[in-house]
PDB file of all heavy atoms in Angstrom:
ATOM      1  N   THR A   1      15.670  -0.696  -7.428  1.00  0.00           N
ATOM      2  CA  THR A   1      15.588  -2.106  -7.069  1.00  0.00           C
ATOM      3  C   THR A   1      14.290  -2.419  -6.306  1.00  0.00           C
ATOM      4  O   THR A   1      14.190  -1.963  -5.172  1.00  0.00           O
ATOM      5  CB  THR A   1      16.768  -2.544  -6.276  1.00  0.00           C
ATOM      6  OG1 THR A   1      17.989  -2.253  -7.010  1.00  0.00           O
ATOM      7  CG2 THR A   1      16.671  -4.134  -5.970  1.00  0.00           C
ATOM      8  N   PHE A   2      13.324  -3.146  -6.839  1.00  0.00           N
ATOM      9  CA  PHE A   2      12.116  -3.349  -6.410  1.00  0.00           C
ATOM     10  C   PHE A   2      12.131  -4.106  -5.008  1.00  0.00           C
ATOM     11  O   PHE A   2      11.322  -3.862  -4.106  1.00  0.00           O
ATOM     12  CB  PHE A   2      11.213  -4.206  -7.362  1.00  0.00           C
ATOM     13  CG  PHE A   2       9.931  -4.465  -6.946  1.00  0.00           C
ATOM     14  CD1 PHE A   2       8.959  -3.541  -6.823  1.00  0.00           C
ATOM     15  CD2 PHE A   2       9.446  -5.810  -6.622  1.00  0.00           C
ATOM     16  CE1 PHE A   2       7.650  -3.706  -6.444  1.00  0.00           C
ATOM     17  CE2 PHE A   2       8.107  -6.047  -6.265  1.00  0.00           C
ATOM     18  CZ  PHE A   2       7.220  -5.038  -6.183  1.00  0.00           C
ATOM     19  N   SER A   3      13.110  -4.898  -4.789  1.00  0.00           N
ATOM     20  CA  SER A   3      13.226  -5.761  -3.638  1.00  0.00           C
ATOM     21  C   SER A   3      13.595  -4.946  -2.406  1.00  0.00           C
ATOM     22  O   SER A   3      13.546  -5.457  -1.274  1.00  0.00           O
ATOM     23  CB  SER A   3      14.045  -6.944  -3.715  1.00  0.00           C
ATOM     24  OG  SER A   3      15.445  -6.483  -4.034  1.00  0.00           O
ATOM     25  N   ARG A   4      14.005  -3.697  -2.544  1.00  0.00           N
ATOM     26  CA  ARG A   4      14.323  -2.810  -1.457  1.00  0.00           C
ATOM     27  C   ARG A   4      13.121  -2.159  -0.813  1.00  0.00           C
ATOM     28  O   ARG A   4      13.290  -1.529   0.238  1.00  0.00           O
ATOM     29  CB  ARG A   4      15.277  -1.702  -1.933  1.00  0.00           C
ATOM     30  CG  ARG A   4      16.673  -2.166  -2.373  1.00  0.00           C
ATOM     31  CD  ARG A   4      17.477  -0.996  -2.920  1.00  0.00           C
ATOM     32  NE  ARG A   4      18.781  -1.402  -3.394  1.00  0.00           N
ATOM     33  CZ  ARG A   4      19.706  -0.696  -3.960  1.00  0.00           C
ATOM     34  NH1 ARG A   4      19.353   0.643  -4.132  1.00  0.00           N
ATOM     35  NH2 ARG A   4      20.831  -1.152  -4.420  1.00  0.00           N
ATOM     36  N   TYR A   5      11.920  -2.441  -1.282  1.00  0.00           N
ATOM     37  CA  TYR A   5      10.754  -1.741  -0.777  1.00  0.00           C
ATOM     38  C   TYR A   5       9.682  -2.682  -0.225  1.00  0.00           C
ATOM     39  O   TYR A   5       9.468  -3.808  -0.867  1.00  0.00           O
ATOM     40  CB  TYR A   5      10.098  -0.990  -1.932  1.00  0.00           C
ATOM     41  CG  TYR A   5      10.985   0.116  -2.522  1.00  0.00           C
ATOM     42  CD1 TYR A   5      11.768  -0.191  -3.619  1.00  0.00           C
ATOM     43  CD2 TYR A   5      10.959   1.433  -1.963  1.00  0.00           C
ATOM     44  CE1 TYR A   5      12.705   0.877  -4.096  1.00  0.00           C
ATOM     45  CE2 TYR A   5      11.838   2.358  -2.514  1.00  0.00           C
ATOM     46  CZ  TYR A   5      12.633   2.112  -3.536  1.00  0.00           C
ATOM     47  OH  TYR A   5      13.511   3.149  -4.013  1.00  0.00           O
ATOM     48  N   ALA A   6       9.064  -2.347   0.887  1.00  0.00           N
ATOM     49  CA  ALA A   6       7.889  -2.981   1.274  1.00  0.00           C
ATOM     50  C   ALA A   6       6.836  -2.304   0.424  1.00  0.00           C
ATOM     51  O   ALA A   6       6.930  -1.083   0.011  1.00  0.00           O
ATOM     52  CB  ALA A   6       7.616  -2.654   2.762  1.00  0.00           C
ATOM     53  N   MET A   7       5.794  -3.020   0.023  1.00  0.00           N
ATOM     54  CA  MET A   7       4.696  -2.473  -0.885  1.00  0.00           C
ATOM     55  C   MET A   7       3.427  -2.507  -0.184  1.00  0.00           C
ATOM     56  O   MET A   7       3.033  -3.347   0.506  1.00  0.00           O
ATOM     57  CB  MET A   7       4.749  -3.261  -2.160  1.00  0.00           C
ATOM     58  CG  MET A   7       6.093  -3.215  -2.915  1.00  0.00           C
ATOM     59  SD  MET A   7       6.396  -1.445  -3.498  1.00  0.00           S
ATOM     60  CE  MET A   7       5.083  -1.189  -4.670  1.00  0.00           C
ATOM     61  N   GLY A   8       2.554  -1.493  -0.565  1.00  0.00           N
ATOM     62  CA  GLY A   8       1.200  -1.312   0.062  1.00  0.00           C
ATOM     63  C   GLY A   8       0.190  -0.911  -1.012  1.00  0.00           C
ATOM     64  O   GLY A   8       0.612  -0.378  -2.065  1.00  0.00           O
ATOM     65  N   TRP A   9      -1.014  -1.257  -0.701  1.00  0.00           N
ATOM     66  CA  TRP A   9      -2.207  -0.734  -1.491  1.00  0.00           C
ATOM     67  C   TRP A   9      -2.976   0.166  -0.503  1.00  0.00           C
ATOM     68  O   TRP A   9      -3.347  -0.234   0.585  1.00  0.00           O
ATOM     69  CB  TRP A   9      -3.013  -1.806  -2.015  1.00  0.00           C
ATOM     70  CG  TRP A   9      -2.480  -2.635  -3.179  1.00  0.00           C
ATOM     71  CD1 TRP A   9      -1.681  -3.740  -3.133  1.00  0.00           C
ATOM     72  CD2 TRP A   9      -2.467  -2.232  -4.561  1.00  0.00           C
ATOM     73  NE1 TRP A   9      -1.283  -4.060  -4.400  1.00  0.00           N
ATOM     74  CE2 TRP A   9      -1.768  -3.228  -5.306  1.00  0.00           C
ATOM     75  CE3 TRP A   9      -3.097  -1.233  -5.251  1.00  0.00           C
ATOM     76  CZ2 TRP A   9      -1.608  -3.131  -6.688  1.00  0.00           C
ATOM     77  CZ3 TRP A   9      -2.944  -1.143  -6.571  1.00  0.00           C
ATOM     78  CH2 TRP A   9      -2.284  -2.118  -7.355  1.00  0.00           C
ATOM     79  N   PHE A  10      -3.418   1.271  -1.077  1.00  0.00           N
ATOM     80  CA  PHE A  10      -4.373   2.170  -0.404  1.00  0.00           C
ATOM     81  C   PHE A  10      -5.522   2.531  -1.317  1.00  0.00           C
ATOM     82  O   PHE A  10      -5.424   2.333  -2.544  1.00  0.00           O
ATOM     83  CB  PHE A  10      -3.693   3.558   0.030  1.00  0.00           C
ATOM     84  CG  PHE A  10      -2.584   3.314   1.027  1.00  0.00           C
ATOM     85  CD1 PHE A  10      -1.407   2.749   0.823  1.00  0.00           C
ATOM     86  CD2 PHE A  10      -2.900   3.745   2.326  1.00  0.00           C
ATOM     87  CE1 PHE A  10      -0.437   2.690   1.808  1.00  0.00           C
ATOM     88  CE2 PHE A  10      -1.841   3.647   3.343  1.00  0.00           C
ATOM     89  CZ  PHE A  10      -0.638   3.127   3.057  1.00  0.00           C
ATOM     90  N   ARG A  11      -6.551   2.961  -0.892  1.00  0.00           N
ATOM     91  CA  ARG A  11      -7.689   3.379  -1.673  1.00  0.00           C
ATOM     92  C   ARG A  11      -8.414   4.658  -1.126  1.00  0.00           C
ATOM     93  O   ARG A  11      -8.340   4.891   0.044  1.00  0.00           O
ATOM     94  CB  ARG A  11      -8.816   2.247  -1.695  1.00  0.00           C
ATOM     95  CG  ARG A  11      -9.471   1.954  -0.408  1.00  0.00           C
ATOM     96  CD  ARG A  11     -10.354   0.589  -0.663  1.00  0.00           C
ATOM     97  NE  ARG A  11     -10.957   0.344   0.685  1.00  0.00           N
ATOM     98  CZ  ARG A  11     -11.751  -0.779   0.739  1.00  0.00           C
ATOM     99  NH1 ARG A  11     -11.849  -1.628  -0.212  1.00  0.00           N
ATOM    100  NH2 ARG A  11     -12.342  -0.966   1.894  1.00  0.00           N
ATOM    101  N   GLN A  12      -9.075   5.313  -2.024  1.00  0.00           N
ATOM    102  CA  GLN A  12      -9.658   6.601  -1.647  1.00  0.00           C
ATOM    103  C   GLN A  12     -10.933   6.705  -2.358  1.00  0.00           C
ATOM    104  O   GLN A  12     -10.967   6.914  -3.566  1.00  0.00           O
ATOM    105  CB  GLN A  12      -8.755   7.828  -1.955  1.00  0.00           C
ATOM    106  CG  GLN A  12      -9.303   9.122  -1.422  1.00  0.00           C
ATOM    107  CD  GLN A  12      -8.332  10.226  -1.513  1.00  0.00           C
ATOM    108  OE1 GLN A  12      -7.359  10.250  -2.273  1.00  0.00           O
ATOM    109  NE2 GLN A  12      -8.592  11.367  -0.731  1.00  0.00           N
ATOM    110  N   ALA A  13     -12.017   6.644  -1.641  1.00  0.00           N
ATOM    111  CA  ALA A  13     -13.402   6.875  -2.221  1.00  0.00           C
ATOM    112  C   ALA A  13     -13.704   8.349  -2.271  1.00  0.00           C
ATOM    113  O   ALA A  13     -13.146   9.157  -1.555  1.00  0.00           O
ATOM    114  CB  ALA A  13     -14.402   6.160  -1.436  1.00  0.00           C
ATOM    115  N   ARG A  14     -14.618   8.639  -3.149  1.00  0.00           N
ATOM    116  CA  ARG A  14     -14.930  10.115  -3.273  1.00  0.00           C
ATOM    117  C   ARG A  14     -15.575  10.630  -1.942  1.00  0.00           C
ATOM    118  O   ARG A  14     -16.375   9.952  -1.332  1.00  0.00           O
ATOM    119  CB  ARG A  14     -15.936  10.304  -4.343  1.00  0.00           C
ATOM    120  CG  ARG A  14     -15.333  10.375  -5.815  1.00  0.00           C
ATOM    121  CD  ARG A  14     -16.315  10.861  -6.800  1.00  0.00           C
ATOM    122  NE  ARG A  14     -17.189   9.745  -7.198  1.00  0.00           N
ATOM    123  CZ  ARG A  14     -16.903   8.982  -8.255  1.00  0.00           C
ATOM    124  NH1 ARG A  14     -15.763   9.025  -8.939  1.00  0.00           N
ATOM    125  NH2 ARG A  14     -17.753   7.879  -8.492  1.00  0.00           N
ATOM    126  N   GLY A  15     -15.031  11.752  -1.462  1.00  0.00           N
ATOM    127  CA  GLY A  15     -15.413  12.358  -0.305  1.00  0.00           C
ATOM    128  C   GLY A  15     -14.799  11.744   0.837  1.00  0.00           C
ATOM    129  O   GLY A  15     -15.179  12.201   2.108  1.00  0.00           O
ATOM    130  N   LYS A  16     -13.981  10.814   0.835  1.00  0.00           N
ATOM    131  CA  LYS A  16     -13.276  10.322   1.997  1.00  0.00           C
ATOM    132  C   LYS A  16     -11.845  10.384   1.873  1.00  0.00           C
ATOM    133  O   LYS A  16     -11.202  10.579   0.870  1.00  0.00           O
ATOM    134  CB  LYS A  16     -13.770   8.772   2.105  1.00  0.00           C
ATOM    135  CG  LYS A  16     -15.182   8.483   2.296  1.00  0.00           C
ATOM    136  CD  LYS A  16     -15.514   7.077   2.496  1.00  0.00           C
ATOM    137  CE  LYS A  16     -17.016   6.818   2.790  1.00  0.00           C
ATOM    138  NZ  LYS A  16     -17.367   5.432   2.881  1.00  0.00           N
ATOM    139  N   GLU A  17     -11.128  10.109   3.066  1.00  0.00           N
ATOM    140  CA  GLU A  17      -9.713  10.143   3.049  1.00  0.00           C
ATOM    141  C   GLU A  17      -9.109   8.851   2.583  1.00  0.00           C
ATOM    142  O   GLU A  17      -9.819   7.827   2.620  1.00  0.00           O
ATOM    143  CB  GLU A  17      -9.214  10.405   4.471  1.00  0.00           C
ATOM    144  CG  GLU A  17      -9.635  11.817   5.052  1.00  0.00           C
ATOM    145  CD  GLU A  17      -8.981  12.113   6.391  1.00  0.00           C
ATOM    146  OE1 GLU A  17      -8.393  11.155   7.007  1.00  0.00           O
ATOM    147  OE2 GLU A  17      -9.172  13.290   6.907  1.00  0.00           O
ATOM    148  N   ARG A  18      -7.918   8.893   2.098  1.00  0.00           N
ATOM    149  CA  ARG A  18      -7.224   7.714   1.651  1.00  0.00           C
ATOM    150  C   ARG A  18      -7.000   6.746   2.807  1.00  0.00           C
ATOM    151  O   ARG A  18      -6.528   7.158   3.945  1.00  0.00           O
ATOM    152  CB  ARG A  18      -5.814   8.110   1.011  1.00  0.00           C
ATOM    153  CG  ARG A  18      -5.122   6.943   0.341  1.00  0.00           C
ATOM    154  CD  ARG A  18      -3.990   7.494  -0.514  1.00  0.00           C
ATOM    155  NE  ARG A  18      -4.244   8.479  -1.360  1.00  0.00           N
ATOM    156  CZ  ARG A  18      -3.388   9.045  -2.255  1.00  0.00           C
ATOM    157  NH1 ARG A  18      -2.129   8.766  -2.150  1.00  0.00           N
ATOM    158  NH2 ARG A  18      -3.832   9.949  -3.071  1.00  0.00           N
ATOM    159  N   GLU A  19      -7.194   5.393   2.611  1.00  0.00           N
ATOM    160  CA  GLU A  19      -7.177   4.524   3.748  1.00  0.00           C
ATOM    161  C   GLU A  19      -6.284   3.228   3.289  1.00  0.00           C
ATOM    162  O   GLU A  19      -6.175   2.904   2.115  1.00  0.00           O
ATOM    163  CB  GLU A  19      -8.617   3.960   4.148  1.00  0.00           C
ATOM    164  CG  GLU A  19      -9.355   3.150   3.044  1.00  0.00           C
ATOM    165  CD  GLU A  19     -10.574   2.531   3.572  1.00  0.00           C
ATOM    166  OE1 GLU A  19     -10.755   2.490   4.742  1.00  0.00           O
ATOM    167  OE2 GLU A  19     -11.326   2.070   2.736  1.00  0.00           O
ATOM    168  N   PHE A  20      -5.680   2.646   4.287  1.00  0.00           N
ATOM    169  CA  PHE A  20      -4.862   1.544   4.039  1.00  0.00           C
ATOM    170  C   PHE A  20      -5.684   0.317   3.754  1.00  0.00           C
ATOM    171  O   PHE A  20      -6.715   0.200   4.233  1.00  0.00           O
ATOM    172  CB  PHE A  20      -4.003   1.272   5.250  1.00  0.00           C
ATOM    173  CG  PHE A  20      -3.296  -0.001   5.322  1.00  0.00           C
ATOM    174  CD1 PHE A  20      -2.147  -0.128   4.594  1.00  0.00           C
ATOM    175  CD2 PHE A  20      -3.767  -1.130   6.023  1.00  0.00           C
ATOM    176  CE1 PHE A  20      -1.444  -1.340   4.550  1.00  0.00           C
ATOM    177  CE2 PHE A  20      -3.142  -2.332   5.945  1.00  0.00           C
ATOM    178  CZ  PHE A  20      -1.924  -2.411   5.324  1.00  0.00           C
ATOM    179  N   VAL A  21      -5.209  -0.504   2.770  1.00  0.00           N
ATOM    180  CA  VAL A  21      -5.874  -1.732   2.422  1.00  0.00           C
ATOM    181  C   VAL A  21      -5.061  -2.975   2.741  1.00  0.00           C
ATOM    182  O   VAL A  21      -5.483  -3.879   3.412  1.00  0.00           O
ATOM    183  CB  VAL A  21      -6.193  -1.695   0.858  1.00  0.00           C
ATOM    184  CG1 VAL A  21      -6.939  -3.095   0.529  1.00  0.00           C
ATOM    185  CG2 VAL A  21      -7.062  -0.616   0.528  1.00  0.00           C
ATOM    186  N   ALA A  22      -3.902  -3.011   2.291  1.00  0.00           N
ATOM    187  CA  ALA A  22      -2.904  -4.153   2.467  1.00  0.00           C
ATOM    188  C   ALA A  22      -1.528  -3.753   2.203  1.00  0.00           C
ATOM    189  O   ALA A  22      -1.264  -2.830   1.398  1.00  0.00           O
ATOM    190  CB  ALA A  22      -3.436  -5.268   1.560  1.00  0.00           C
ATOM    191  N   ALA A  23      -0.603  -4.568   2.820  1.00  0.00           N
ATOM    192  CA  ALA A  23       0.805  -4.344   2.545  1.00  0.00           C
ATOM    193  C   ALA A  23       1.580  -5.601   2.774  1.00  0.00           C
ATOM    194  O   ALA A  23       1.084  -6.599   3.486  1.00  0.00           O
ATOM    195  CB  ALA A  23       1.359  -3.221   3.360  1.00  0.00           C
ATOM    196  N   LEU A  24       2.740  -5.762   2.203  1.00  0.00           N
ATOM    197  CA  LEU A  24       3.644  -6.867   2.497  1.00  0.00           C
ATOM    198  C   LEU A  24       5.128  -6.439   2.460  1.00  0.00           C
ATOM    199  O   LEU A  24       5.464  -5.406   1.853  1.00  0.00           O
ATOM    200  CB  LEU A  24       3.367  -7.999   1.325  1.00  0.00           C
ATOM    201  CG  LEU A  24       4.028  -7.885  -0.052  1.00  0.00           C
ATOM    202  CD1 LEU A  24       3.576  -9.107  -0.770  1.00  0.00           C
ATOM    203  CD2 LEU A  24       3.475  -6.671  -0.744  1.00  0.00           C
ATOM    204  N   SER A  25       5.955  -7.259   3.146  1.00  0.00           N
ATOM    205  CA  SER A  25       7.320  -6.893   3.320  1.00  0.00           C
ATOM    206  C   SER A  25       8.101  -7.139   2.047  1.00  0.00           C
ATOM    207  O   SER A  25       7.592  -7.541   0.990  1.00  0.00           O
ATOM    208  CB  SER A  25       7.852  -7.788   4.521  1.00  0.00           C
ATOM    209  OG  SER A  25       7.756  -9.142   4.158  1.00  0.00           O
ATOM    210  N   MET A  26       9.361  -6.810   2.165  1.00  0.00           N
ATOM    211  CA  MET A  26      10.354  -6.851   1.006  1.00  0.00           C
ATOM    212  C   MET A  26      10.280  -8.127   0.268  1.00  0.00           C
ATOM    213  O   MET A  26      10.309  -8.208  -0.996  1.00  0.00           O
ATOM    214  CB  MET A  26      11.719  -6.487   1.436  1.00  0.00           C
ATOM    215  CG  MET A  26      11.858  -5.010   1.922  1.00  0.00           C
ATOM    216  SD  MET A  26      13.426  -4.831   2.884  1.00  0.00           S
ATOM    217  CE  MET A  26      14.631  -5.154   1.494  1.00  0.00           C
ATOM    218  N   SER A  27      10.265  -9.316   1.093  1.00  0.00           N
ATOM    219  CA  SER A  27      10.281 -10.613   0.428  1.00  0.00           C
ATOM    220  C   SER A  27       8.877 -11.160   0.257  1.00  0.00           C
ATOM    221  O   SER A  27       8.723 -12.213  -0.336  1.00  0.00           O
ATOM    222  CB  SER A  27      11.017 -11.536   1.337  1.00  0.00           C
ATOM    223  OG  SER A  27      10.317 -11.745   2.520  1.00  0.00           O
ATOM    224  N   GLY A  28       7.814 -10.495   0.721  1.00  0.00           N
ATOM    225  CA  GLY A  28       6.509 -11.025   0.744  1.00  0.00           C
ATOM    226  C   GLY A  28       6.177 -11.947   1.875  1.00  0.00           C
ATOM    227  O   GLY A  28       5.095 -12.467   1.965  1.00  0.00           O
TER     228      GLY A  28
END
């Protein structure tokens, strides 16, 4: 069930660690 999850976006550039970009709660 998709609505049970908060969702986020992360990104990882070459040679760098994965970093947080954006997130939103279950309802948005």
